[in-house]
Amino acid sequence: MSIQRISVNPRLSGAVLHGGLAWLSGQVPDDRTADCAGQTRQVLAKIDALLAQSGSDKTRLLSAQIWLKDITADFAAMNEVWSEWLPEGAAPARATIQADLASPDVLVEIMLTAATGV
């Protein structure tokens, strides 16, 4: 089986495909002036694009890891956007934790694994 990489740069791939699975790297927002809900929407839009490039979509999610800069302040806002985005009956296994993220203005980062049609 071959390994396919999508959106590759010197440090990482946006997604890696192998054996019918897509592993998406942690996605962060581009507009970091937005609140957590706005940043979450941006991240989920980037995830939608990577899933499409991977031959998958949000109905095929297997697992999600979510990091929040301030879980006390932003958990509810992130969850509201997440729940609006996620199709009914398609919830993946998921963990959400608080973490110091790579940049002080990033409030949320999301990493997924999904099944593909490949």
Foldseek 3Di string as FASTA:
>chain_A
DDKDFDCDDPPDGQWIDDDQKIWGDKFWAPPLVDDLLVGLVRRVVVVQVVQVVQQHGLLFWAEKEKEFQDCVVCVVSNVVSVVVRHDPPRDHHYDYYYDDDPDNSTGMIMITMGGHPD
